[in-house]
C-alpha cells in the first residue's frame, strides 16, 4: 500500500497529501498523520482514496461514536474531535475567501457551536426492499453509493428518532407494497415528531391501520405524500398540533409545515440569528430587506427590534407562512412580504422594491450573485449581513461586493450547523465605504 503524509483537510473533510507531485484526497485521514491509503479513483492530476492504516495518528483523532461510520454516507468527520472540526471549517471559509475572492475579513468572528450529537431535527431517510440484506432498509445512503446503508441507529438524529429505525424497517416490511415506499422524511418541532411517508401506490386500509397503530404506539405524527411536495397532507392523528420552533431571545415562535425549509439544528440556529442581529444592528425607523426570507427566520427578529422589514422569497407558500408567522407574533404591521425569483434579480427589479438602509441575504447553495450584481451604484444599503451554506459562492459574491460595489468585508465566521459532517454555515458582514 502507498504511504502519504497528510498536509491539510479539504472542504469535504478529506485529508490532502501530495505524492510524486499528484494531489491525493484521502478519506479518514487527518492533518499531520502518516497513513497507508487505497485509491478508488485515479485521474492524471489527482486521486481519491480511503485510509487503510493510520501509521502515525493525529492528537485530534477520536474513536467514531457511530458503529456505522465509514459505511453510512451521512457523516464524514466523526474521527476528528469537535474542536478540530470547528477549526477545520473555519480554515475552509478563510481559504475560500482568499483563493476565490482575494479577501481577508477584517475580523474573524468566534465560531458558533452547539451539541455535537442528536442535533439533526430534519432528515430524509431512504427506504429500499433488499431481501438479500434482510428485508426493508431505512436510513441514509452508503458512502459513494446510491444503495441504502444497513443501519439500525443514527447518532446525529435525536434519540427518539434513532430508536425508530428498526421499528420503521418492520413497519415497511409489513405493508402491502414495501417496494413502492421510497422515502420517509423526518421533521421535529417543539414536542412533535413528524414522519412524512412517500408512497408511489395508493395505501390499503390495512396499511393505514398499521400507520395509525405505529403513530399511537411511538407518539409520532404521520403525513402522507402520494405525489409531489404539494400533495403532502396530515394523516394521523388528525388533531396534531402544527410544528414550530422558538427564538427565545426575541420572544418568537415560528410555525412550519414538515416539508418547508428550516435549519436542521435549532440550537445553532438560535445562536446564528442572535449573531446576525448583532451584526445587522436593526434600528427603529430603518427599512431593511430580508432576501430569501423563507418563513421569517430573520425577518421577524429584525421587526422585533423595531425596523420595518421587507421579506422576499421565491416560494409563494413560504411567503404565506412568513406572513402568518408575522401575524401570529404581532408583527404584521412591521413586515411586508413579496414573491420574486431572486436568481433573476436585476437593477430595475431591485430599484422597484424601494430604498433599503440595510440588507440581510440568506440564499441556498447557489448564492446570490444576481442580487449583488443588481445593487445600485448610489443609495445602496450601508450594511449587508450575508448568511451562507456554501463558502465558495459566498466568496464569489464577496468579490463582487468588495471589488465592484465599494463594500469592505468587515467580519466573517462560521456556524457549525452540521457537526460530524463537512458542511458548514457561515456569516459575513459587509459595510459600505463612505
Protein backbone atom coordinates (compact mmCIF):
# COMPACT_ATOMS: atom_id res chain seq x y z
CA UNK A 1 0.00 0.00 0.00
CA UNK A 2 1.27 3.53 -0.76
CA UNK A 3 2.03 5.84 2.17
CA UNK A 4 1.42 9.59 2.43
CA UNK A 5 1.82 12.37 4.98
CA UNK A 6 -1.35 14.40 5.27
CA UNK A 7 -0.99 18.18 4.98
CA UNK A 8 -4.50 19.58 5.46
CA UNK A 9 -8.23 18.95 5.12
CA UNK A 10 -10.25 19.93 2.07
CA UNK A 11 -13.82 21.29 2.01
CA UNK A 12 -15.19 17.73 2.03
CA UNK A 13 -13.25 16.78 5.17
CA UNK A 14 -10.73 14.64 3.30
CA UNK A 15 -7.05 14.63 4.10
CA UNK A 16 -4.91 16.26 1.40
CA UNK A 17 -1.47 14.87 0.57
CA UNK A 18 0.91 15.05 -2.37
CA UNK A 19 2.72 12.04 -3.75
CA UNK A 20 5.07 12.43 -6.72
CA UNK A 21 3.51 15.80 -7.49
CA UNK A 22 -0.06 14.47 -7.55
CA UNK A 23 -2.72 15.56 -5.07
CA UNK A 24 -4.23 12.67 -3.09
CA UNK A 25 -7.56 13.25 -1.33
CA UNK A 26 -7.78 10.65 1.44
CA UNK A 27 -10.98 9.97 3.35
CA UNK A 28 -10.48 9.25 7.02
CA UNK A 29 -7.06 10.94 7.23
CA UNK A 30 -6.21 13.98 9.35
CA UNK A 31 -3.54 16.68 9.05
CA UNK A 32 -0.13 15.60 10.39
CA UNK A 33 -0.91 11.91 10.05
CA UNK A 34 1.13 9.32 8.19
CA UNK A 35 -1.27 6.88 6.55
CA UNK A 36 -1.45 4.00 4.16
CA UNK A 37 -4.17 4.52 1.58
CA UNK A 38 -6.00 2.76 -1.23
CA UNK A 39 -7.13 4.78 -4.26
CA UNK A 40 -10.58 4.21 -5.72
CA UNK A 41 -10.42 6.91 -8.44
CA UNK A 42 -7.32 7.90 -10.38
CA UNK A 43 -7.06 10.94 -12.61
CA UNK A 44 -3.96 12.48 -14.23
CA UNK A 45 -3.69 15.26 -11.64
CA UNK A 46 -5.30 13.75 -8.53
CA UNK A 47 -6.53 10.60 -6.85
CA UNK A 48 -9.39 9.91 -4.45
CA UNK A 49 -8.55 7.39 -1.76
CA UNK A 50 -9.53 5.92 1.58
CA UNK A 51 -7.31 5.36 4.61
CA UNK A 52 -6.39 1.73 5.20
CA UNK A 53 -3.91 2.12 8.09
CA UNK A 54 -3.00 5.04 10.33
CA UNK A 55 0.74 4.74 10.94
CA UNK A 56 1.09 7.96 12.93
CA UNK A 57 -2.12 9.38 14.39
CA UNK A 58 -3.10 12.98 14.99
CA UNK A 59 -3.67 14.09 18.58
CA UNK A 60 -7.11 15.22 17.42
CA UNK A 61 -8.15 11.76 16.25
CA UNK A 62 -11.00 10.22 18.24
CA UNK A 63 -12.91 6.95 18.01
CA UNK A 64 -16.06 7.41 15.90
CA UNK A 65 -19.13 7.23 18.10
CA UNK A 66 -21.38 5.59 15.49
CA UNK A 67 -20.75 1.96 14.58
CA UNK A 68 -22.00 2.71 11.06
CA UNK A 69 -19.42 5.44 10.41
CA UNK A 70 -17.44 4.78 7.26
CA UNK A 71 -20.23 2.71 5.72
CA UNK A 72 -23.09 5.22 6.03
CA UNK A 73 -22.55 8.36 3.98
CA UNK A 74 -24.33 10.66 6.41
CA UNK A 75 -21.17 11.69 8.31
CA UNK A 76 -17.56 12.25 7.24
CA UNK A 77 -15.75 13.70 10.28
CA UNK A 78 -16.57 11.58 13.33
CA UNK A 79 -12.88 10.64 13.61
CA UNK A 80 -11.96 14.30 14.33
CA UNK A 81 -12.70 15.83 17.73
CA UNK A 82 -15.35 18.62 17.79
CA UNK A 83 -12.84 21.43 18.33
CA UNK A 84 -10.80 20.16 15.39
CA UNK A 85 -13.91 20.06 13.19
CA UNK A 86 -14.71 23.68 14.01
CA UNK A 87 -11.15 24.82 13.32
CA UNK A 88 -11.07 22.93 10.02
CA UNK A 89 -14.30 24.56 8.87
CA UNK A 90 -13.00 28.00 9.83
CA UNK A 91 -9.98 27.35 7.62
CA UNK A 92 -12.24 26.27 4.74
CA UNK A 93 -14.07 29.60 4.94
CA UNK A 94 -10.88 31.67 5.15
CA UNK A 95 -9.29 29.71 2.28
CA UNK A 96 -12.37 30.20 0.08
CA UNK A 97 -12.41 33.94 0.73
CA UNK A 98 -8.73 34.23 -0.11
CA UNK A 99 -8.36 31.88 -3.06
CA UNK A 100 -11.65 32.82 -4.77
CA UNK A 101 -12.04 36.49 -3.82
CA UNK A 102 -8.55 37.53 -2.65
CA UNK A 103 -10.15 38.78 0.56
CA UNK A 104 -9.40 38.52 4.25
CA UNK A 105 -12.01 39.59 6.76
CA UNK A 106 -11.03 42.48 9.00
CA UNK A 107 -12.33 40.43 11.92
CA UNK A 108 -12.71 36.66 12.30
CA UNK A 109 -15.81 36.03 14.39
CA UNK A 110 -15.78 33.41 17.17
CA UNK A 111 -17.25 30.17 15.81
CA UNK A 112 -20.81 29.23 16.73
CA UNK A 113 -21.09 25.65 18.01
CA UNK A 114 -23.77 23.56 19.67
CA UNK A 115 -24.42 19.95 20.59
CA UNK A 116 -22.22 17.55 18.59
CA UNK A 117 -24.76 14.68 18.66
CA UNK A 118 -28.51 14.27 18.35
CA UNK A 119 -28.91 17.69 16.78
CA UNK A 120 -30.45 16.86 13.42
CA UNK A 121 -34.14 17.73 13.55
CA UNK A 122 -34.72 17.30 9.82
CA UNK A 123 -33.67 14.31 7.74
CA UNK A 124 -34.66 12.42 4.63
CA UNK A 125 -34.40 8.66 5.13
CA UNK A 126 -34.36 6.43 2.06
CA UNK A 127 -36.34 3.19 2.04
CA UNK A 128 -35.50 0.10 -0.02
CA UNK A 129 -36.55 -3.53 0.00
CA UNK A 130 -33.40 -5.66 -0.25
CA UNK A 131 -34.26 -9.29 0.58
CA UNK A 132 -30.63 -10.44 0.49
CA UNK A 133 -29.87 -7.91 3.25
CA UNK A 134 -32.75 -8.97 5.46
CA UNK A 135 -35.71 -7.09 4.01
CA UNK A 136 -36.50 -3.41 4.31
CA UNK A 137 -33.66 -0.93 4.78
CA UNK A 138 -34.31 2.53 6.23
CA UNK A 139 -31.53 5.09 6.50
CA UNK A 140 -29.03 7.22 4.65
CA UNK A 141 -27.16 6.20 1.51
CA UNK A 142 -23.92 4.31 1.69
CA UNK A 143 -20.80 6.36 1.11
CA UNK A 144 -20.15 6.80 -2.66
CA UNK A 145 -23.29 4.83 -3.48
CA UNK A 146 -26.99 5.11 -4.18
CA UNK A 147 -27.57 1.99 -2.07
CA UNK A 148 -29.20 2.43 1.34
CA UNK A 149 -26.86 1.70 4.23
CA UNK A 150 -27.66 -1.17 6.57
CA UNK A 151 -28.17 0.68 9.86
CA UNK A 152 -30.28 0.41 12.99
CA UNK A 153 -29.42 3.70 14.70
CA UNK A 154 -28.05 7.17 13.97
CA UNK A 155 -26.06 9.27 16.41
CA UNK A 156 -26.81 12.64 14.81
CA UNK A 157 -30.57 12.11 14.92
CA UNK A 158 -32.36 12.73 18.23
CA UNK A 159 -32.67 9.59 20.31
CA UNK A 160 -36.46 9.36 19.83
CA UNK A 161 -35.94 9.09 16.06
CA UNK A 162 -32.80 6.94 16.12
CA UNK A 163 -34.56 4.19 18.07
CA UNK A 164 -37.38 4.15 15.50
CA UNK A 165 -35.16 2.97 12.62
CA UNK A 166 -35.55 -0.78 13.40
CA UNK A 167 -39.28 -0.23 14.05
CA UNK A 168 -39.67 1.54 10.71
CA UNK A 169 -38.00 -1.40 8.97
CA UNK A 170 -40.58 -3.74 10.47
CA UNK A 171 -43.42 -1.38 9.57
CA UNK A 172 -42.34 -1.07 5.93
CA UNK A 173 -41.91 -4.84 5.60
CA UNK A 174 -45.46 -5.40 6.89
CA UNK A 175 -47.08 -3.04 4.39
CA UNK A 176 -48.73 -4.18 1.16
CA UNK A 177 -46.25 -2.62 -1.30
CA UNK A 178 -42.99 -2.00 0.56
CA UNK A 179 -41.19 -1.71 -2.77
CA UNK A 180 -43.26 1.42 -3.52
CA UNK A 181 -42.31 3.36 -0.40
CA UNK A 182 -39.09 5.16 -1.38
CA UNK A 183 -38.70 7.72 1.40
CA UNK A 184 -39.57 8.77 4.94
CA UNK A 185 -38.88 12.40 5.80
CA UNK A 186 -38.36 13.42 9.43
CA UNK A 187 -39.26 16.85 10.82
CA UNK A 188 -39.17 17.74 14.53
CA UNK A 189 -40.52 20.92 16.04
CA UNK A 190 -41.45 21.75 19.62
CA UNK A 191 -42.59 18.48 21.18
CA UNK A 192 -43.80 16.96 17.89
CA UNK A 193 -42.08 14.39 15.70
CA UNK A 194 -43.46 14.17 12.16
CA UNK A 195 -42.80 11.38 9.66
CA UNK A 196 -43.73 12.03 6.02
CA UNK A 197 -44.24 8.79 4.08
CA UNK A 198 -43.71 9.00 0.32
CA UNK A 199 -45.81 6.30 -1.38
CA UNK A 200 -45.98 5.61 -5.10
CA UNK A 201 -49.12 3.45 -4.92
CA UNK A 202 -52.36 4.05 -3.00
CA UNK A 203 -52.27 2.65 0.52
CA UNK A 204 -54.66 -0.11 1.52
CA UNK A 205 -56.94 0.04 4.56
CA UNK A 206 -54.56 -2.40 6.25
CA UNK A 207 -51.59 -0.09 5.50
CA UNK A 208 -53.42 2.85 7.02
CA UNK A 209 -54.24 0.86 10.16
CA UNK A 210 -50.56 -0.06 10.53
CA UNK A 211 -49.58 3.61 10.29
CA UNK A 212 -52.18 4.63 12.88
CA UNK A 213 -51.00 1.93 15.29
CA UNK A 214 -47.36 2.94 14.78
CA UNK A 215 -48.17 6.61 15.46
CA UNK A 216 -50.15 5.81 18.59
CA UNK A 217 -47.50 3.44 19.93
CA UNK A 218 -44.49 5.69 19.29
CA UNK A 219 -46.00 9.14 19.71
CA UNK A 220 -45.30 10.38 16.18
CA UNK A 221 -47.41 12.16 13.57
CA UNK A 222 -47.82 10.74 10.07
CA UNK A 223 -48.13 12.85 6.94
CA UNK A 224 -48.59 11.19 3.54
CA UNK A 225 -47.06 12.22 0.21
CA UNK A 226 -48.66 10.38 -2.73
CA UNK A 227 -47.19 12.67 -5.42
CA UNK A 228 -45.18 15.90 -5.44
CA UNK A 229 -44.42 18.03 -2.43
CA UNK A 230 -47.73 19.89 -2.83
CA UNK A 231 -49.59 16.62 -2.16
CA UNK A 232 -48.30 16.26 1.42
CA UNK A 233 -51.19 16.08 3.91
CA UNK A 234 -51.73 15.25 7.56
CA UNK A 235 -52.89 11.65 8.08
CA UNK A 236 -52.79 10.71 11.78
CA UNK A 237 -53.54 11.92 14.36
CA UNK A 238 -55.89 14.32 12.63
CA UNK A 239 -55.80 16.82 15.50
CA UNK A 240 -51.99 17.06 15.61
CA UNK A 241 -50.58 20.46 16.50
CA UNK A 242 -48.51 22.43 13.99
CA UNK A 243 -44.75 22.06 14.01
CA UNK A 244 -42.92 25.06 15.45
CA UNK A 245 -39.61 26.29 16.77
CA UNK A 246 -38.72 29.16 19.06
CA UNK A 247 -36.33 32.07 19.01
CA UNK A 248 -36.40 32.84 22.74
CA UNK A 249 -34.01 35.81 22.53
CA UNK A 250 -36.75 37.62 20.61
CA UNK A 251 -39.84 36.05 22.17
CA UNK A 252 -40.85 34.44 18.86
CA UNK A 253 -42.42 31.15 17.84
CA UNK A 254 -42.47 30.22 14.15
CA UNK A 255 -44.75 27.55 12.72
CA UNK A 256 -43.72 25.45 9.74
CA UNK A 257 -45.03 22.66 7.53
CA UNK A 258 -42.95 19.44 7.65
CA UNK A 259 -41.65 19.83 4.10
CA UNK A 260 -40.84 23.55 4.36
CA UNK A 261 -37.22 24.57 4.77
CA UNK A 262 -35.98 25.16 8.29
CA UNK A 263 -32.48 24.76 9.69
CA UNK A 264 -31.77 21.20 10.84
CA UNK A 265 -30.15 22.41 14.06
CA UNK A 266 -32.47 24.62 16.08
CA UNK A 267 -29.94 25.30 18.84
CA UNK A 268 -27.30 26.63 16.45
CA UNK A 269 -29.98 28.47 14.50
CA UNK A 270 -30.89 30.44 17.64
CA UNK A 271 -27.25 31.48 18.08
CA UNK A 272 -26.93 32.29 14.37
CA UNK A 273 -29.99 34.56 14.44
CA UNK A 274 -28.62 36.29 17.54
CA UNK A 275 -25.27 36.80 15.79
CA UNK A 276 -26.95 38.08 12.62
CA UNK A 277 -28.95 40.65 14.56
CA UNK A 278 -25.85 41.87 16.41
CA UNK A 279 -24.06 42.35 13.08
CA UNK A 280 -27.02 43.88 11.22
CA UNK A 281 -27.90 46.28 14.06
CA UNK A 282 -31.53 46.98 13.08
CA UNK A 283 -32.77 50.31 14.38
CA UNK A 284 -36.23 51.84 14.70
CA UNK A 285 -37.04 53.87 11.60
CA UNK A 286 -34.83 51.83 9.27
CA UNK A 287 -36.14 49.91 6.26
CA UNK A 288 -34.37 46.59 5.88
CA UNK A 289 -34.70 43.86 3.24
CA UNK A 290 -34.52 40.16 4.11
CA UNK A 291 -33.81 38.35 0.86
CA UNK A 292 -34.51 34.60 0.61
CA UNK A 293 -36.57 35.19 3.76
CA UNK A 294 -38.17 31.73 3.93
CA UNK A 295 -40.78 31.53 6.67
CA UNK A 296 -39.38 34.54 8.53
CA UNK A 297 -36.41 33.16 10.46
CA UNK A 298 -34.56 36.50 10.24
CA UNK A 299 -37.45 38.73 9.17
CA UNK A 300 -39.31 38.54 12.44
CA UNK A 301 -36.31 39.25 14.70
CA UNK A 302 -35.49 42.31 12.56
CA UNK A 303 -39.06 43.56 13.02
CA UNK A 304 -38.95 42.74 16.73
CA UNK A 305 -36.01 45.13 17.06
CA UNK A 306 -38.07 47.97 15.63
CA UNK A 307 -37.12 48.19 11.96
CA UNK A 308 -39.55 47.88 9.09
CA UNK A 309 -38.64 44.83 7.07
CA UNK A 310 -39.43 43.66 3.55
CA UNK A 311 -39.08 39.89 3.16
CA UNK A 312 -38.66 38.49 -0.34
CA UNK A 313 -38.78 34.80 -1.25
CA UNK A 314 -39.31 32.81 -4.44
CA UNK A 315 -41.95 30.47 -2.97
CA UNK A 316 -45.50 31.71 -2.50
CA UNK A 317 -46.11 29.01 0.12
CA UNK A 318 -43.15 30.19 2.20
CA UNK A 319 -44.20 33.83 1.87
CA UNK A 320 -47.68 32.86 3.07
CA UNK A 321 -46.13 31.05 6.04
CA UNK A 322 -43.90 34.05 6.83
CA UNK A 323 -46.92 36.36 6.74
CA UNK A 324 -48.85 34.00 9.06
CA UNK A 325 -45.90 33.90 11.47
CA UNK A 326 -45.68 37.69 11.48
CA UNK A 327 -49.37 37.96 12.28
CA UNK A 328 -49.22 35.28 14.97
CA UNK A 329 -46.33 37.10 16.66
CA UNK A 330 -47.98 40.52 16.49
CA UNK A 331 -45.54 41.89 13.90
CA UNK A 332 -47.70 42.15 10.79
CA UNK A 333 -47.62 45.97 10.79
CA UNK A 334 -43.80 45.92 10.73
CA UNK A 335 -43.42 43.32 7.96
CA UNK A 336 -44.14 43.34 4.25
CA UNK A 337 -43.57 40.34 2.03
CA UNK A 338 -43.20 39.75 -1.69
CA UNK A 339 -42.64 36.86 -4.08
CA UNK A 340 -39.77 37.17 -6.55
CA UNK A 341 -37.21 34.97 -8.26
CA UNK A 342 -34.07 36.40 -6.69
CA UNK A 343 -31.87 34.37 -9.03
CA UNK A 344 -33.13 36.67 -11.78
CA UNK A 345 -32.85 39.93 -9.85
CA UNK A 346 -31.88 42.98 -11.91
CA UNK A 347 -31.02 46.58 -11.13
CA UNK A 348 -34.55 47.50 -12.23
CA UNK A 349 -36.29 44.91 -10.03
CA UNK A 350 -34.13 45.86 -7.05
CA UNK A 351 -34.96 49.55 -7.52
CA UNK A 352 -38.66 48.70 -7.71
CA UNK A 353 -38.54 47.36 -4.13
CA UNK A 354 -37.51 50.80 -2.88
CA UNK A 355 -34.51 52.00 -0.92
CA UNK A 356 -33.12 49.97 1.98
CA UNK A 357 -30.87 51.06 4.81
CA UNK A 358 -29.57 47.53 5.36
CA UNK A 359 -29.80 44.10 3.79
CA UNK A 360 -29.80 40.52 5.05
CA UNK A 361 -29.18 37.76 2.50
CA UNK A 362 -29.64 34.04 3.26
CA UNK A 363 -29.55 32.22 -0.09
CA UNK A 364 -29.37 28.49 -0.87
CA UNK A 365 -26.10 26.92 -2.02
CA UNK A 366 -26.23 28.72 -5.38
CA UNK A 367 -25.58 32.02 -3.63
CA UNK A 368 -26.92 35.45 -4.54
CA UNK A 369 -24.81 36.65 -7.47
CA UNK A 370 -27.79 38.25 -9.28
CA UNK A 371 -28.70 40.20 -6.15
CA UNK A 372 -25.19 41.57 -5.54
CA UNK A 373 -24.83 42.49 -9.20
CA UNK A 374 -28.18 44.34 -9.00
CA UNK A 375 -27.11 46.62 -6.15
CA UNK A 376 -27.20 50.27 -7.24
CA UNK A 377 -24.07 52.39 -7.55
CA UNK A 378 -25.62 55.06 -5.33
CA UNK A 379 -28.08 54.67 -2.49
CA UNK A 380 -27.12 51.04 -1.82
CA UNK A 381 -27.67 49.55 1.65
CA UNK A 382 -25.00 50.73 4.08
CA UNK A 383 -24.61 47.31 5.69
CA UNK A 384 -25.14 43.76 4.40
CA UNK A 385 -25.20 40.61 6.52
CA UNK A 386 -24.78 37.53 4.34
CA UNK A 387 -25.62 34.09 5.76
CA UNK A 388 -24.31 31.27 3.57
CA UNK A 389 -24.34 27.47 3.41
CA UNK A 390 -21.65 27.41 0.69
CA UNK A 391 -18.32 29.18 1.29
CA UNK A 392 -17.44 29.08 -2.40
CA UNK A 393 -20.50 31.06 -3.53
CA UNK A 394 -20.15 33.38 -0.55
CA UNK A 395 -16.58 34.13 -1.65
CA UNK A 396 -17.67 34.65 -5.27
CA UNK A 397 -20.35 37.12 -4.19
CA UNK A 398 -17.98 38.80 -1.72
CA UNK A 399 -15.58 39.50 -4.56
CA UNK A 400 -18.29 41.47 -6.36
CA UNK A 401 -19.34 43.35 -3.24
CA UNK A 402 -15.79 44.41 -2.35
CA UNK A 403 -14.07 44.80 -5.71
CA UNK A 404 -17.02 46.22 -7.68
CA UNK A 405 -19.62 47.58 -5.26
CA UNK A 406 -17.47 49.55 -2.79
CA UNK A 407 -18.06 47.42 0.31
CA UNK A 408 -15.45 46.14 2.73
CA UNK A 409 -15.53 42.72 4.38
CA UNK A 410 -15.84 43.79 7.99
CA UNK A 411 -16.16 40.36 9.61
CA UNK A 412 -16.75 36.68 8.84
CA UNK A 413 -17.08 33.44 10.77
CA UNK A 414 -18.68 30.02 10.81
CA UNK A 415 -21.60 28.32 12.49
CA UNK A 416 -21.12 24.58 12.91
CA UNK A 417 -24.69 23.77 11.94
CA UNK A 418 -23.81 20.19 10.88
CA UNK A 419 -21.33 18.57 13.33
CA UNK A 420 -19.68 15.31 12.19
CA UNK A 421 -20.08 16.39 8.54
CA UNK A 422 -18.04 18.68 6.30
CA UNK A 423 -20.98 21.03 5.69
CA UNK A 424 -20.68 24.47 7.20
CA UNK A 425 -22.80 27.55 7.61
CA UNK A 426 -21.05 30.91 7.56
CA UNK A 427 -21.90 34.54 8.16
CA UNK A 428 -20.22 37.70 6.87
CA UNK A 429 -20.87 41.41 7.24
CA UNK A 430 -20.13 43.96 4.53
CA UNK A 431 -20.01 47.69 5.22
CA UNK A 432 -20.41 50.30 2.50
CA UNK A 433 -17.39 52.57 2.09
CA UNK A 434 -18.17 56.24 2.71
